[in-house]
Amino acid sequence: MTDREITILYVEDNPDNRNLIRRVLNAEGYAVIEAAQADQALQKLERETIDLILMDINMPDMDGYTLTAIIKKMEKFKNIPIVAVTANVMRGDREKSLEAGCDGYIQKPIDIDTLAQQIERFITRRTNA
C-alpha cells in the first residue's frame, strides 16, 4: 500500500457501536469513515478511498448481505475487503456472510482487544494479493 493512512468504512446503524469502533480503530492509527445506512455507505464509497469495509449485517433500510452483494458487483469496489460485523452467530450465519461476498466475519460483541489484529489480517491479505 502507500504511506497514506488506512481508511475503514464502518457501516453500522447503531451510533454507540460506531463510536466505540471509531475510537478503538483511531487509537490504532486507522482513519474511520462512518455510514449509518446503505445509501450513505454507497455515497461515501464514491467520494473516499476506502481500504476496508466493516459491514453490520442487521440494518433497518437494507441488510448487510444485500449491500455487500451490491458493492461486490461494482467493478471499482469489488476488491475492497468487506468484513461482516454481526450478532448473528447461529449455525450457518458465518457461511451466509461469506456467500453474500464478505471476505471475513467478526462476531459481536466485538472484542476490542483483538479488533486491530483482526483488521490488520485483512489489510495485509489485501496488500499481499
N, C-alpha and C. Protein backbone atom coordinates (compact mmCIF):
# COMPACT_ATOMS: atom_id res chain seq x y z
N MET A 1 0.84 -1.17 0.00
CA MET A 1 0.00 0.00 0.00
C MET A 1 0.89 1.24 0.00
N THR A 2 0.36 2.38 0.24
CA THR A 2 1.13 3.61 0.22
C THR A 2 1.39 4.06 1.65
N ASP A 3 1.99 5.25 1.78
CA ASP A 3 2.26 5.80 3.10
C ASP A 3 1.03 6.48 3.70
N ARG A 4 -0.05 6.56 2.94
CA ARG A 4 -1.25 7.23 3.47
C ARG A 4 -1.91 6.36 4.54
N GLU A 5 -2.72 7.01 5.32
CA GLU A 5 -3.43 6.32 6.40
C GLU A 5 -4.44 5.32 5.81
N ILE A 6 -4.55 4.17 6.44
CA ILE A 6 -5.55 3.17 6.04
C ILE A 6 -6.92 3.69 6.44
N THR A 7 -7.86 3.65 5.50
CA THR A 7 -9.21 4.15 5.75
C THR A 7 -10.21 3.01 5.74
N ILE A 8 -10.99 2.96 6.82
CA ILE A 8 -12.01 1.92 7.00
C ILE A 8 -13.38 2.57 6.98
N LEU A 9 -14.27 2.01 6.18
CA LEU A 9 -15.66 2.44 6.19
C LEU A 9 -16.42 1.49 7.11
N TYR A 10 -17.04 2.04 8.14
CA TYR A 10 -17.82 1.23 9.08
C TYR A 10 -19.29 1.53 8.84
N VAL A 11 -20.01 0.54 8.34
CA VAL A 11 -21.44 0.65 8.05
C VAL A 11 -22.19 0.02 9.21
N GLU A 12 -22.83 0.85 9.99
CA GLU A 12 -23.47 0.40 11.25
C GLU A 12 -24.57 1.39 11.62
N ASP A 13 -25.76 0.91 11.90
CA ASP A 13 -26.86 1.81 12.24
C ASP A 13 -26.85 2.24 13.70
N ASN A 14 -26.15 1.53 14.55
CA ASN A 14 -26.13 1.85 15.98
C ASN A 14 -25.02 2.86 16.28
N PRO A 15 -25.38 4.08 16.71
CA PRO A 15 -24.36 5.11 16.95
C PRO A 15 -23.38 4.75 18.07
N ASP A 16 -23.82 4.01 19.08
CA ASP A 16 -22.90 3.60 20.15
C ASP A 16 -21.83 2.66 19.62
N ASN A 17 -22.23 1.73 18.77
CA ASN A 17 -21.27 0.81 18.17
C ASN A 17 -20.28 1.57 17.27
N ARG A 18 -20.80 2.51 16.49
CA ARG A 18 -19.92 3.30 15.62
C ARG A 18 -18.90 4.08 16.45
N ASN A 19 -19.35 4.69 17.52
CA ASN A 19 -18.47 5.47 18.38
C ASN A 19 -17.36 4.60 18.97
N LEU A 20 -17.73 3.45 19.50
CA LEU A 20 -16.75 2.55 20.12
C LEU A 20 -15.70 2.10 19.10
N ILE A 21 -16.15 1.62 17.96
CA ILE A 21 -15.22 1.10 16.96
C ILE A 21 -14.34 2.22 16.41
N ARG A 22 -14.92 3.39 16.17
CA ARG A 22 -14.12 4.53 15.69
C ARG A 22 -13.01 4.86 16.68
N ARG A 23 -13.35 4.91 17.97
CA ARG A 23 -12.35 5.24 18.99
C ARG A 23 -11.25 4.18 19.04
N VAL A 24 -11.61 2.93 19.01
CA VAL A 24 -10.63 1.85 19.07
C VAL A 24 -9.72 1.88 17.85
N LEU A 25 -10.31 2.02 16.66
CA LEU A 25 -9.50 1.98 15.43
C LEU A 25 -8.69 3.26 15.24
N ASN A 26 -9.23 4.42 15.63
CA ASN A 26 -8.45 5.66 15.58
C ASN A 26 -7.22 5.54 16.46
N ALA A 27 -7.38 4.94 17.64
CA ALA A 27 -6.25 4.77 18.56
C ALA A 27 -5.17 3.87 17.96
N GLU A 28 -5.56 3.01 17.02
CA GLU A 28 -4.61 2.12 16.36
C GLU A 28 -4.04 2.74 15.08
N GLY A 29 -4.44 3.97 14.77
CA GLY A 29 -3.89 4.66 13.63
C GLY A 29 -4.70 4.57 12.35
N TYR A 30 -5.89 4.00 12.41
CA TYR A 30 -6.74 3.91 11.23
C TYR A 30 -7.66 5.12 11.14
N ALA A 31 -7.96 5.55 9.93
CA ALA A 31 -9.00 6.55 9.71
C ALA A 31 -10.32 5.79 9.56
N VAL A 32 -11.36 6.27 10.20
CA VAL A 32 -12.66 5.59 10.14
C VAL A 32 -13.69 6.57 9.60
N ILE A 33 -14.37 6.13 8.55
CA ILE A 33 -15.49 6.86 7.98
C ILE A 33 -16.73 6.05 8.32
N GLU A 34 -17.77 6.72 8.76
CA GLU A 34 -18.97 6.02 9.21
C GLU A 34 -20.14 6.25 8.27
N ALA A 35 -20.98 5.22 8.17
CA ALA A 35 -22.24 5.30 7.44
C ALA A 35 -23.28 4.58 8.27
N ALA A 36 -24.42 5.23 8.47
CA ALA A 36 -25.49 4.65 9.29
C ALA A 36 -26.45 3.80 8.48
N GLN A 37 -26.39 3.91 7.16
CA GLN A 37 -27.29 3.12 6.32
C GLN A 37 -26.67 2.91 4.94
N ALA A 38 -27.30 2.07 4.15
CA ALA A 38 -26.74 1.64 2.87
C ALA A 38 -26.49 2.79 1.91
N ASP A 39 -27.44 3.71 1.75
CA ASP A 39 -27.24 4.78 0.78
C ASP A 39 -26.06 5.67 1.17
N GLN A 40 -25.89 5.92 2.47
CA GLN A 40 -24.73 6.70 2.92
C GLN A 40 -23.43 5.96 2.60
N ALA A 41 -23.43 4.66 2.81
CA ALA A 41 -22.23 3.86 2.53
C ALA A 41 -21.85 3.95 1.07
N LEU A 42 -22.82 3.83 0.18
CA LEU A 42 -22.54 3.90 -1.25
C LEU A 42 -22.03 5.29 -1.65
N GLN A 43 -22.59 6.33 -1.06
CA GLN A 43 -22.12 7.69 -1.33
C GLN A 43 -20.67 7.87 -0.87
N LYS A 44 -20.36 7.36 0.30
CA LYS A 44 -19.01 7.51 0.84
C LYS A 44 -17.99 6.69 0.05
N LEU A 45 -18.42 5.55 -0.45
CA LEU A 45 -17.53 4.76 -1.32
C LEU A 45 -17.18 5.54 -2.58
N GLU A 46 -18.13 6.28 -3.11
CA GLU A 46 -17.89 7.06 -4.33
C GLU A 46 -16.94 8.23 -4.08
N ARG A 47 -16.98 8.80 -2.88
CA ARG A 47 -16.22 10.03 -2.59
C ARG A 47 -14.86 9.78 -1.95
N GLU A 48 -14.70 8.67 -1.27
CA GLU A 48 -13.49 8.42 -0.46
C GLU A 48 -12.69 7.24 -1.02
N THR A 49 -11.43 7.16 -0.64
CA THR A 49 -10.62 5.99 -0.94
C THR A 49 -10.69 5.08 0.27
N ILE A 50 -11.34 3.95 0.10
CA ILE A 50 -11.61 3.02 1.20
C ILE A 50 -10.73 1.79 1.04
N ASP A 51 -10.10 1.37 2.13
CA ASP A 51 -9.23 0.19 2.11
C ASP A 51 -9.92 -1.06 2.63
N LEU A 52 -10.94 -0.87 3.48
CA LEU A 52 -11.63 -2.00 4.10
C LEU A 52 -13.02 -1.52 4.53
N ILE A 53 -13.98 -2.42 4.45
CA ILE A 53 -15.34 -2.11 4.91
C ILE A 53 -15.71 -3.06 6.03
N LEU A 54 -16.14 -2.50 7.15
CA LEU A 54 -16.73 -3.28 8.23
C LEU A 54 -18.24 -3.14 8.06
N MET A 55 -18.94 -4.26 7.87
CA MET A 55 -20.34 -4.24 7.48
C MET A 55 -21.22 -4.88 8.54
N ASP A 56 -22.05 -4.04 9.18
CA ASP A 56 -23.09 -4.58 10.05
C ASP A 56 -24.07 -5.34 9.17
N ILE A 57 -24.57 -6.45 9.65
CA ILE A 57 -25.50 -7.25 8.85
C ILE A 57 -26.94 -6.82 9.08
N ASN A 58 -27.31 -6.53 10.32
CA ASN A 58 -28.70 -6.20 10.64
C ASN A 58 -28.90 -4.69 10.68
N MET A 59 -29.37 -4.16 9.56
CA MET A 59 -29.67 -2.74 9.47
C MET A 59 -31.11 -2.58 8.96
N PRO A 60 -31.76 -1.49 9.34
CA PRO A 60 -33.18 -1.35 9.03
C PRO A 60 -33.52 -1.11 7.56
N ASP A 61 -32.70 -0.35 6.84
CA ASP A 61 -33.08 0.01 5.46
C ASP A 61 -32.71 -1.08 4.45
N MET A 62 -31.54 -1.62 4.57
CA MET A 62 -31.06 -2.68 3.69
C MET A 62 -30.07 -3.49 4.51
N ASP A 63 -30.22 -4.81 4.51
CA ASP A 63 -29.31 -5.59 5.34
C ASP A 63 -27.92 -5.64 4.71
N GLY A 64 -26.96 -5.99 5.54
CA GLY A 64 -25.57 -6.02 5.11
C GLY A 64 -25.27 -7.05 4.04
N TYR A 65 -26.04 -8.14 4.01
CA TYR A 65 -25.85 -9.14 2.94
C TYR A 65 -26.13 -8.51 1.58
N THR A 66 -27.25 -7.80 1.50
CA THR A 66 -27.66 -7.18 0.23
C THR A 66 -26.68 -6.10 -0.17
N LEU A 67 -26.30 -5.25 0.77
CA LEU A 67 -25.35 -4.17 0.46
C LEU A 67 -24.00 -4.74 0.03
N THR A 68 -23.55 -5.78 0.70
CA THR A 68 -22.29 -6.43 0.30
C THR A 68 -22.37 -6.93 -1.12
N ALA A 69 -23.45 -7.60 -1.46
CA ALA A 69 -23.61 -8.14 -2.82
C ALA A 69 -23.60 -7.01 -3.85
N ILE A 70 -24.24 -5.89 -3.55
CA ILE A 70 -24.26 -4.74 -4.45
C ILE A 70 -22.84 -4.20 -4.65
N ILE A 71 -22.11 -4.02 -3.56
CA ILE A 71 -20.75 -3.48 -3.64
C ILE A 71 -19.84 -4.42 -4.42
N LYS A 72 -19.94 -5.71 -4.17
CA LYS A 72 -19.06 -6.67 -4.83
C LYS A 72 -19.34 -6.78 -6.33
N LYS A 73 -20.53 -6.38 -6.76
CA LYS A 73 -20.85 -6.40 -8.20
C LYS A 73 -20.33 -5.15 -8.91
N MET A 74 -19.92 -4.16 -8.18
CA MET A 74 -19.42 -2.91 -8.77
C MET A 74 -17.92 -3.07 -9.04
N GLU A 75 -17.54 -2.97 -10.27
CA GLU A 75 -16.17 -3.25 -10.70
C GLU A 75 -15.13 -2.49 -9.87
N LYS A 76 -15.34 -1.20 -9.63
CA LYS A 76 -14.31 -0.42 -8.96
C LYS A 76 -14.21 -0.68 -7.46
N PHE A 77 -15.18 -1.40 -6.90
CA PHE A 77 -15.15 -1.69 -5.46
C PHE A 77 -15.01 -3.17 -5.14
N LYS A 78 -15.04 -4.02 -6.11
CA LYS A 78 -15.12 -5.47 -5.86
C LYS A 78 -13.91 -6.03 -5.11
N ASN A 79 -12.77 -5.33 -5.15
CA ASN A 79 -11.58 -5.83 -4.46
C ASN A 79 -11.38 -5.26 -3.06
N ILE A 80 -12.30 -4.42 -2.61
CA ILE A 80 -12.21 -3.91 -1.25
C ILE A 80 -12.69 -5.01 -0.30
N PRO A 81 -11.87 -5.42 0.64
CA PRO A 81 -12.33 -6.45 1.58
C PRO A 81 -13.51 -5.94 2.41
N ILE A 82 -14.51 -6.80 2.55
CA ILE A 82 -15.67 -6.50 3.38
C ILE A 82 -15.74 -7.54 4.49
N VAL A 83 -15.79 -7.06 5.72
CA VAL A 83 -15.85 -7.95 6.88
C VAL A 83 -17.19 -7.76 7.57
N ALA A 84 -17.96 -8.83 7.65
CA ALA A 84 -19.23 -8.78 8.37
C ALA A 84 -18.95 -8.60 9.86
N VAL A 85 -19.68 -7.69 10.47
CA VAL A 85 -19.60 -7.47 11.91
C VAL A 85 -21.03 -7.67 12.41
N THR A 86 -21.26 -8.77 13.10
CA THR A 86 -22.65 -9.13 13.36
C THR A 86 -22.86 -9.89 14.65
N ALA A 87 -24.07 -9.75 15.16
CA ALA A 87 -24.50 -10.54 16.31
C ALA A 87 -25.14 -11.85 15.85
N ASN A 88 -25.25 -12.04 14.54
CA ASN A 88 -25.79 -13.28 14.00
C ASN A 88 -24.74 -14.38 14.18
N VAL A 89 -24.96 -15.22 15.16
CA VAL A 89 -23.96 -16.23 15.48
C VAL A 89 -24.55 -17.65 15.48
N MET A 90 -25.67 -17.80 14.84
CA MET A 90 -26.27 -19.13 14.75
C MET A 90 -25.52 -19.93 13.67
N ARG A 91 -25.73 -21.23 13.70
CA ARG A 91 -25.11 -22.09 12.70
C ARG A 91 -25.51 -21.61 11.30
N GLY A 92 -24.53 -21.43 10.45
CA GLY A 92 -24.77 -21.01 9.08
C GLY A 92 -24.67 -19.51 8.85
N ASP A 93 -24.66 -18.70 9.91
CA ASP A 93 -24.60 -17.24 9.73
C ASP A 93 -23.27 -16.80 9.13
N ARG A 94 -22.19 -17.41 9.58
CA ARG A 94 -20.87 -17.07 9.02
C ARG A 94 -20.84 -17.40 7.53
N GLU A 95 -21.35 -18.58 7.19
CA GLU A 95 -21.36 -19.02 5.81
C GLU A 95 -22.24 -18.10 4.95
N LYS A 96 -23.37 -17.66 5.50
CA LYS A 96 -24.26 -16.76 4.77
C LYS A 96 -23.55 -15.44 4.47
N SER A 97 -22.76 -14.95 5.43
CA SER A 97 -22.00 -13.72 5.21
C SER A 97 -20.98 -13.91 4.09
N LEU A 98 -20.29 -15.03 4.11
CA LEU A 98 -19.28 -15.30 3.08
C LEU A 98 -19.93 -15.49 1.71
N GLU A 99 -21.08 -16.15 1.68
CA GLU A 99 -21.79 -16.35 0.41
C GLU A 99 -22.26 -15.02 -0.18
N ALA A 100 -22.59 -14.05 0.67
CA ALA A 100 -23.02 -12.73 0.21
C ALA A 100 -21.86 -11.94 -0.38
N GLY A 101 -20.62 -12.39 -0.12
CA GLY A 101 -19.46 -11.70 -0.66
C GLY A 101 -18.51 -11.15 0.38
N CYS A 102 -18.86 -11.32 1.65
CA CYS A 102 -17.95 -10.86 2.71
C CYS A 102 -16.66 -11.68 2.67
N ASP A 103 -15.57 -11.02 2.98
CA ASP A 103 -14.26 -11.68 3.00
C ASP A 103 -13.90 -12.20 4.38
N GLY A 104 -14.70 -11.84 5.37
CA GLY A 104 -14.46 -12.28 6.73
C GLY A 104 -15.65 -12.00 7.61
N TYR A 105 -15.51 -12.35 8.87
CA TYR A 105 -16.63 -12.34 9.80
C TYR A 105 -16.10 -12.04 11.19
N ILE A 106 -16.64 -11.00 11.83
CA ILE A 106 -16.29 -10.69 13.21
C ILE A 106 -17.59 -10.70 14.01
N GLN A 107 -17.57 -11.46 15.06
CA GLN A 107 -18.75 -11.65 15.90
C GLN A 107 -18.92 -10.53 16.92
N LYS A 108 -20.16 -10.08 17.10
CA LYS A 108 -20.49 -9.14 18.18
C LYS A 108 -20.89 -9.94 19.40
N PRO A 109 -20.65 -9.49 20.59
CA PRO A 109 -19.95 -8.24 20.89
C PRO A 109 -18.48 -8.33 20.47
N ILE A 110 -18.00 -7.23 19.95
CA ILE A 110 -16.64 -7.17 19.42
C ILE A 110 -15.64 -7.17 20.57
N ASP A 111 -14.61 -7.97 20.42
CA ASP A 111 -13.51 -7.99 21.39
C ASP A 111 -12.55 -6.87 20.99
N ILE A 112 -12.65 -5.74 21.68
CA ILE A 112 -11.84 -4.58 21.29
C ILE A 112 -10.35 -4.81 21.48
N ASP A 113 -9.98 -5.81 22.29
CA ASP A 113 -8.57 -6.11 22.49
C ASP A 113 -7.95 -6.81 21.29
N THR A 114 -8.76 -7.46 20.47
CA THR A 114 -8.22 -8.18 19.31
C THR A 114 -8.68 -7.59 17.98
N LEU A 115 -9.53 -6.56 18.03
CA LEU A 115 -10.07 -6.00 16.78
C LEU A 115 -8.98 -5.51 15.84
N ALA A 116 -8.02 -4.78 16.34
CA ALA A 116 -6.96 -4.24 15.47
C ALA A 116 -6.19 -5.36 14.78
N GLN A 117 -5.92 -6.46 15.48
CA GLN A 117 -5.20 -7.57 14.85
C GLN A 117 -6.05 -8.24 13.77
N GLN A 118 -7.35 -8.33 14.03
CA GLN A 118 -8.25 -8.91 13.02
C GLN A 118 -8.27 -8.03 11.77
N ILE A 119 -8.36 -6.72 11.97
CA ILE A 119 -8.37 -5.79 10.85
C ILE A 119 -7.06 -5.87 10.08
N GLU A 120 -5.97 -5.92 10.80
CA GLU A 120 -4.65 -5.97 10.17
C GLU A 120 -4.50 -7.18 9.24
N ARG A 121 -5.07 -8.30 9.62
CA ARG A 121 -5.01 -9.51 8.77
C ARG A 121 -5.67 -9.25 7.42
N PHE A 122 -6.80 -8.57 7.42
CA PHE A 122 -7.50 -8.29 6.15
C PHE A 122 -6.74 -7.27 5.31
N ILE A 123 -6.17 -6.26 5.96
CA ILE A 123 -5.39 -5.25 5.24
C ILE A 123 -4.14 -5.90 4.64
N THR A 124 -3.46 -6.72 5.42
CA THR A 124 -2.25 -7.40 4.96
C THR A 124 -2.57 -8.34 3.81
N ARG A 125 -3.66 -9.08 3.93
CA ARG A 125 -4.07 -10.01 2.89
C ARG A 125 -4.32 -9.26 1.58
N ARG A 126 -4.93 -8.09 1.69
CA ARG A 126 -5.24 -7.29 0.50
C ARG A 126 -3.96 -6.78 -0.15
N THR A 127 -3.03 -6.28 0.65
CA THR A 127 -1.81 -5.70 0.08
C THR A 127 -0.87 -6.78 -0.47
N ASN A 128 -1.00 -8.01 0.00
CA ASN A 128 -0.15 -9.09 -0.48
C ASN A 128 -0.77 -9.84 -1.66
N ALA A 129 -2.01 -9.51 -1.99
CA ALA A 129 -2.71 -10.23 -3.07
C ALA A 129 -2.22 -9.78 -4.43
